[in-house]
Amino acid sequence: MRLIALLTLLISFSVISSDEIVAVVDLTFITDTEIESGKMCFDEKPCQTWSTFILYKAELKNLISGLETGQYFKIIYGRHSYNENAIENVKVYLKKLEPNNKFGAKYQVIRLE
């Protein structure tokens, strides 16, 4: 039983890389970047923008895994963007972005729960 628990713990740590964090945050809308994050295509019609990257200010409520020392940082999200809605107490999986990226964000959302 202990071996299974230890293996589960080790696997869960290996899933999150050093450039990723999992945290509970509150998200506050900053701006729609108008940079396309997804397309929608039907039959022979030209594809259209389905979503754009939205820039949010994240307030760290609970760091679950990874390293982050700031209470506030900027993130982008591009799938099913929530536009100007605030999102509270959401669990996010974040991937660190390169410094000086075109969004001005520290992380990109990989998944929301």
N, C-alpha and C. Protein backbone atom coordinates (compact mmCIF):
# COMPACT_ATOMS: atom_id res chain seq x y z
N MET A 1 0.82 -1.19 0.00
CA MET A 1 0.00 0.00 0.00
C MET A 1 0.87 1.26 0.00
N ARG A 2 1.92 1.27 0.85
CA ARG A 2 2.81 2.42 0.91
C ARG A 2 3.56 2.62 -0.41
N LEU A 3 3.92 1.51 -1.05
CA LEU A 3 4.63 1.57 -2.32
C LEU A 3 3.76 2.23 -3.38
N ILE A 4 2.50 1.89 -3.41
CA ILE A 4 1.57 2.50 -4.38
C ILE A 4 1.44 3.98 -4.12
N ALA A 5 1.30 4.39 -2.87
CA ALA A 5 1.19 5.81 -2.53
C ALA A 5 2.45 6.56 -2.93
N LEU A 6 3.62 5.97 -2.69
CA LEU A 6 4.88 6.60 -3.05
C LEU A 6 5.01 6.74 -4.56
N LEU A 7 4.68 5.69 -5.30
CA LEU A 7 4.73 5.75 -6.76
C LEU A 7 3.78 6.81 -7.31
N THR A 8 2.58 6.89 -6.76
CA THR A 8 1.62 7.90 -7.19
C THR A 8 2.16 9.29 -6.95
N LEU A 9 2.76 9.51 -5.80
CA LEU A 9 3.35 10.80 -5.47
C LEU A 9 4.48 11.15 -6.43
N LEU A 10 5.36 10.22 -6.71
CA LEU A 10 6.48 10.47 -7.63
C LEU A 10 5.99 10.76 -9.04
N ILE A 11 5.00 10.04 -9.49
CA ILE A 11 4.45 10.28 -10.83
C ILE A 11 3.82 11.66 -10.90
N SER A 12 3.08 12.05 -9.89
CA SER A 12 2.42 13.36 -9.92
C SER A 12 3.45 14.49 -9.95
N PHE A 13 4.59 14.33 -9.28
CA PHE A 13 5.64 15.35 -9.32
C PHE A 13 6.31 15.40 -10.68
N SER A 14 6.44 14.27 -11.35
CA SER A 14 7.11 14.25 -12.65
C SER A 14 6.23 14.82 -13.75
N VAL A 15 4.92 14.86 -13.57
CA VAL A 15 4.01 15.39 -14.58
C VAL A 15 4.18 16.90 -14.71
N ILE A 16 4.42 17.59 -13.62
CA ILE A 16 4.58 19.04 -13.63
C ILE A 16 6.06 19.36 -13.79
N SER A 17 6.40 20.07 -14.87
CA SER A 17 7.81 20.43 -15.09
C SER A 17 8.16 21.66 -14.27
N SER A 18 9.42 22.03 -14.30
CA SER A 18 9.87 23.18 -13.52
C SER A 18 9.31 24.49 -14.06
N ASP A 19 8.83 24.48 -15.30
CA ASP A 19 8.25 25.68 -15.90
C ASP A 19 6.73 25.73 -15.76
N GLU A 20 6.17 24.84 -14.95
CA GLU A 20 4.73 24.79 -14.78
C GLU A 20 4.36 24.90 -13.30
N ILE A 21 3.20 25.49 -13.06
CA ILE A 21 2.66 25.52 -11.71
C ILE A 21 1.19 25.13 -11.74
N VAL A 22 0.71 24.68 -10.62
CA VAL A 22 -0.72 24.43 -10.41
C VAL A 22 -1.11 25.28 -9.22
N ALA A 23 -2.16 26.07 -9.36
CA ALA A 23 -2.54 26.98 -8.30
C ALA A 23 -4.03 27.28 -8.35
N VAL A 24 -4.54 27.75 -7.24
CA VAL A 24 -5.90 28.30 -7.19
C VAL A 24 -5.73 29.81 -7.22
N VAL A 25 -6.42 30.45 -8.16
CA VAL A 25 -6.27 31.89 -8.36
C VAL A 25 -7.63 32.55 -8.58
N ASP A 26 -7.64 33.87 -8.41
CA ASP A 26 -8.74 34.70 -8.88
C ASP A 26 -8.22 35.41 -10.12
N LEU A 27 -9.02 35.45 -11.19
CA LEU A 27 -8.61 36.09 -12.43
C LEU A 27 -9.42 37.35 -12.67
N THR A 28 -8.72 38.44 -13.00
CA THR A 28 -9.36 39.72 -13.32
C THR A 28 -8.99 40.08 -14.75
N PHE A 29 -9.99 40.35 -15.57
CA PHE A 29 -9.79 40.70 -16.98
C PHE A 29 -8.95 41.97 -17.11
N ILE A 30 -7.96 41.93 -18.00
CA ILE A 30 -7.19 43.13 -18.34
C ILE A 30 -7.57 43.59 -19.74
N THR A 31 -7.34 42.71 -20.76
CA THR A 31 -7.65 43.09 -22.13
C THR A 31 -7.74 41.87 -23.04
N ASP A 32 -8.45 42.03 -24.12
CA ASP A 32 -8.45 41.05 -25.20
C ASP A 32 -7.29 41.44 -26.10
N THR A 33 -6.33 40.55 -26.29
CA THR A 33 -5.15 40.86 -27.09
C THR A 33 -5.45 40.93 -28.58
N GLU A 34 -6.60 40.39 -28.98
CA GLU A 34 -7.00 40.29 -30.39
C GLU A 34 -6.04 39.44 -31.20
N ILE A 35 -5.22 38.65 -30.53
CA ILE A 35 -4.33 37.70 -31.20
C ILE A 35 -5.05 36.35 -31.21
N GLU A 36 -5.22 35.79 -32.39
CA GLU A 36 -5.98 34.55 -32.55
C GLU A 36 -5.33 33.39 -31.80
N SER A 37 -6.17 32.66 -31.07
CA SER A 37 -5.69 31.47 -30.37
C SER A 37 -6.32 30.20 -30.91
N GLY A 38 -7.38 30.34 -31.70
CA GLY A 38 -8.04 29.18 -32.28
C GLY A 38 -8.91 29.55 -33.46
N LYS A 39 -9.07 28.60 -34.40
CA LYS A 39 -9.90 28.79 -35.59
C LYS A 39 -11.02 27.77 -35.58
N MET A 40 -12.11 28.10 -36.30
CA MET A 40 -13.20 27.18 -36.50
C MET A 40 -13.44 27.09 -38.01
N CYS A 41 -13.47 25.86 -38.53
CA CYS A 41 -13.62 25.67 -39.97
C CYS A 41 -14.80 24.73 -40.24
N PHE A 42 -15.61 25.11 -41.23
CA PHE A 42 -16.74 24.29 -41.66
C PHE A 42 -16.70 24.10 -43.16
N ASP A 43 -16.79 22.86 -43.60
CA ASP A 43 -16.87 22.50 -45.01
C ASP A 43 -15.87 23.28 -45.85
N GLU A 44 -16.35 23.88 -46.91
CA GLU A 44 -15.49 24.60 -47.85
C GLU A 44 -15.38 26.09 -47.52
N LYS A 45 -16.08 26.54 -46.49
CA LYS A 45 -16.05 27.96 -46.13
C LYS A 45 -14.70 28.31 -45.51
N PRO A 46 -14.28 29.58 -45.65
CA PRO A 46 -13.02 29.99 -45.02
C PRO A 46 -13.11 29.85 -43.50
N CYS A 47 -11.99 29.50 -42.88
CA CYS A 47 -11.95 29.39 -41.41
C CYS A 47 -12.09 30.78 -40.79
N GLN A 48 -12.68 30.79 -39.59
CA GLN A 48 -12.86 32.04 -38.86
C GLN A 48 -12.25 31.92 -37.47
N THR A 49 -11.91 33.07 -36.91
CA THR A 49 -11.37 33.09 -35.55
C THR A 49 -12.42 32.56 -34.59
N TRP A 50 -12.02 31.61 -33.77
CA TRP A 50 -12.91 31.02 -32.77
C TRP A 50 -12.66 31.64 -31.41
N SER A 51 -11.37 31.90 -31.10
CA SER A 51 -11.05 32.53 -29.82
C SER A 51 -9.78 33.35 -29.97
N THR A 52 -9.62 34.30 -29.07
CA THR A 52 -8.41 35.12 -29.02
C THR A 52 -7.81 35.00 -27.62
N PHE A 53 -6.54 35.35 -27.51
CA PHE A 53 -5.90 35.31 -26.20
C PHE A 53 -6.38 36.49 -25.35
N ILE A 54 -6.77 36.18 -24.13
CA ILE A 54 -7.22 37.18 -23.17
C ILE A 54 -6.14 37.30 -22.10
N LEU A 55 -5.81 38.54 -21.75
CA LEU A 55 -4.82 38.79 -20.70
C LEU A 55 -5.55 39.04 -19.40
N TYR A 56 -5.17 38.30 -18.36
CA TYR A 56 -5.75 38.42 -17.02
C TYR A 56 -4.68 38.74 -16.00
N LYS A 57 -5.10 39.39 -14.92
CA LYS A 57 -4.25 39.50 -13.72
C LYS A 57 -4.69 38.38 -12.80
N ALA A 58 -3.74 37.55 -12.39
CA ALA A 58 -4.04 36.44 -11.49
C ALA A 58 -3.61 36.82 -10.08
N GLU A 59 -4.49 36.55 -9.13
CA GLU A 59 -4.15 36.71 -7.71
C GLU A 59 -4.02 35.32 -7.12
N LEU A 60 -2.82 34.99 -6.66
CA LEU A 60 -2.54 33.67 -6.12
C LEU A 60 -3.25 33.48 -4.78
N LYS A 61 -4.09 32.44 -4.71
CA LYS A 61 -4.79 32.10 -3.47
C LYS A 61 -4.15 30.90 -2.78
N ASN A 62 -3.74 29.91 -3.60
CA ASN A 62 -3.15 28.69 -3.04
C ASN A 62 -2.26 28.05 -4.10
N LEU A 63 -0.97 27.94 -3.81
CA LEU A 63 -0.04 27.28 -4.71
C LEU A 63 -0.05 25.79 -4.40
N ILE A 64 -0.45 24.99 -5.37
CA ILE A 64 -0.56 23.54 -5.18
C ILE A 64 0.76 22.85 -5.52
N SER A 65 1.36 23.24 -6.63
CA SER A 65 2.67 22.68 -6.99
C SER A 65 3.43 23.67 -7.85
N GLY A 66 4.74 23.55 -7.85
CA GLY A 66 5.58 24.45 -8.61
C GLY A 66 6.10 25.57 -7.73
N LEU A 67 6.83 26.49 -8.36
CA LEU A 67 7.43 27.60 -7.63
C LEU A 67 6.90 28.92 -8.17
N GLU A 68 6.33 29.73 -7.31
CA GLU A 68 5.88 31.09 -7.64
C GLU A 68 5.90 31.89 -6.35
N THR A 69 6.60 33.02 -6.38
CA THR A 69 6.74 33.82 -5.17
C THR A 69 5.83 35.04 -5.16
N GLY A 70 5.34 35.44 -6.31
CA GLY A 70 4.50 36.63 -6.35
C GLY A 70 3.05 36.33 -6.04
N GLN A 71 2.38 37.32 -5.46
CA GLN A 71 0.95 37.16 -5.20
C GLN A 71 0.14 37.50 -6.43
N TYR A 72 0.66 38.39 -7.29
CA TYR A 72 -0.02 38.81 -8.51
C TYR A 72 0.90 38.60 -9.70
N PHE A 73 0.34 38.13 -10.81
CA PHE A 73 1.09 37.99 -12.06
C PHE A 73 0.08 37.93 -13.20
N LYS A 74 0.56 38.18 -14.42
CA LYS A 74 -0.31 38.18 -15.60
C LYS A 74 -0.26 36.83 -16.29
N ILE A 75 -1.44 36.42 -16.80
CA ILE A 75 -1.53 35.17 -17.55
C ILE A 75 -2.37 35.40 -18.80
N ILE A 76 -2.21 34.50 -19.77
CA ILE A 76 -3.07 34.53 -20.95
C ILE A 76 -3.86 33.23 -21.01
N TYR A 77 -5.04 33.35 -21.60
CA TYR A 77 -5.90 32.19 -21.81
C TYR A 77 -6.57 32.36 -23.15
N GLY A 78 -6.62 31.30 -23.94
CA GLY A 78 -7.12 31.44 -25.29
C GLY A 78 -8.20 30.49 -25.74
N ARG A 79 -8.53 29.50 -24.95
CA ARG A 79 -9.60 28.58 -25.37
C ARG A 79 -10.87 28.92 -24.61
N HIS A 80 -11.96 29.06 -25.32
CA HIS A 80 -13.23 29.41 -24.68
C HIS A 80 -13.05 30.59 -23.74
N SER A 81 -12.41 31.61 -24.25
CA SER A 81 -12.09 32.76 -23.41
C SER A 81 -13.33 33.36 -22.78
N TYR A 82 -13.17 33.80 -21.55
CA TYR A 82 -14.29 34.32 -20.78
C TYR A 82 -14.44 35.83 -20.91
N ASN A 83 -13.65 36.44 -21.78
CA ASN A 83 -13.68 37.87 -22.02
C ASN A 83 -13.58 38.67 -20.74
N GLU A 84 -14.57 39.54 -20.49
CA GLU A 84 -14.44 40.49 -19.39
C GLU A 84 -14.95 39.97 -18.05
N ASN A 85 -15.27 38.70 -17.97
CA ASN A 85 -15.76 38.15 -16.72
C ASN A 85 -14.60 37.84 -15.77
N ALA A 86 -14.79 38.17 -14.51
CA ALA A 86 -13.83 37.76 -13.48
C ALA A 86 -14.11 36.30 -13.15
N ILE A 87 -13.07 35.57 -12.82
CA ILE A 87 -13.21 34.16 -12.47
C ILE A 87 -12.56 33.99 -11.10
N GLU A 88 -13.32 33.49 -10.14
CA GLU A 88 -12.81 33.37 -8.78
C GLU A 88 -12.59 31.92 -8.39
N ASN A 89 -11.56 31.71 -7.58
CA ASN A 89 -11.23 30.39 -7.01
C ASN A 89 -11.19 29.29 -8.07
N VAL A 90 -10.44 29.53 -9.13
CA VAL A 90 -10.31 28.54 -10.18
C VAL A 90 -8.94 27.88 -10.08
N LYS A 91 -8.92 26.56 -10.25
CA LYS A 91 -7.66 25.82 -10.25
C LYS A 91 -7.10 25.89 -11.66
N VAL A 92 -5.87 26.37 -11.79
CA VAL A 92 -5.25 26.53 -13.10
C VAL A 92 -3.94 25.76 -13.18
N TYR A 93 -3.69 25.23 -14.35
CA TYR A 93 -2.42 24.62 -14.69
C TYR A 93 -1.76 25.61 -15.64
N LEU A 94 -0.60 26.13 -15.26
CA LEU A 94 0.04 27.20 -16.00
C LEU A 94 1.42 26.79 -16.48
N LYS A 95 1.75 27.22 -17.69
CA LYS A 95 3.08 27.00 -18.26
C LYS A 95 3.77 28.35 -18.37
N LYS A 96 5.00 28.41 -17.88
CA LYS A 96 5.76 29.66 -17.90
C LYS A 96 6.08 30.05 -19.34
N LEU A 97 5.91 31.34 -19.65
CA LEU A 97 6.23 31.88 -20.97
C LEU A 97 7.62 32.50 -20.96
N GLU A 98 8.17 32.67 -22.13
CA GLU A 98 9.46 33.34 -22.26
C GLU A 98 9.31 34.79 -21.81
N PRO A 99 10.32 35.35 -21.16
CA PRO A 99 10.27 36.77 -20.79
C PRO A 99 10.14 37.62 -22.06
N ASN A 100 9.55 38.79 -21.92
CA ASN A 100 9.37 39.73 -23.04
C ASN A 100 8.54 39.15 -24.17
N ASN A 101 7.57 38.27 -23.85
CA ASN A 101 6.68 37.74 -24.89
C ASN A 101 5.71 38.81 -25.35
N LYS A 102 5.03 38.57 -26.45
CA LYS A 102 4.15 39.59 -27.05
C LYS A 102 2.91 39.88 -26.22
N PHE A 103 2.65 39.08 -25.20
CA PHE A 103 1.46 39.28 -24.37
C PHE A 103 1.75 40.07 -23.10
N GLY A 104 3.00 40.10 -22.66
CA GLY A 104 3.33 40.72 -21.39
C GLY A 104 2.88 39.86 -20.22
N ALA A 105 2.72 38.55 -20.46
CA ALA A 105 2.24 37.62 -19.44
C ALA A 105 3.38 36.74 -18.95
N LYS A 106 3.25 36.27 -17.71
CA LYS A 106 4.25 35.37 -17.14
C LYS A 106 3.94 33.91 -17.47
N TYR A 107 2.63 33.58 -17.53
CA TYR A 107 2.20 32.20 -17.76
C TYR A 107 1.08 32.15 -18.80
N GLN A 108 0.93 30.94 -19.39
CA GLN A 108 -0.22 30.64 -20.24
C GLN A 108 -1.00 29.51 -19.60
N VAL A 109 -2.32 29.63 -19.61
CA VAL A 109 -3.17 28.59 -19.04
C VAL A 109 -3.12 27.35 -19.94
N ILE A 110 -2.84 26.22 -19.33
CA ILE A 110 -2.88 24.94 -20.03
C ILE A 110 -4.25 24.32 -19.81
N ARG A 111 -4.77 24.44 -18.58
CA ARG A 111 -6.06 23.83 -18.24
C ARG A 111 -6.66 24.57 -17.05
N LEU A 112 -7.99 24.67 -17.05
CA LEU A 112 -8.75 25.22 -15.93
C LEU A 112 -9.60 24.12 -15.32
N GLU A 113 -9.77 24.16 -14.02
CA GLU A 113 -10.70 23.22 -13.35
C GLU A 113 -11.57 23.98 -12.39
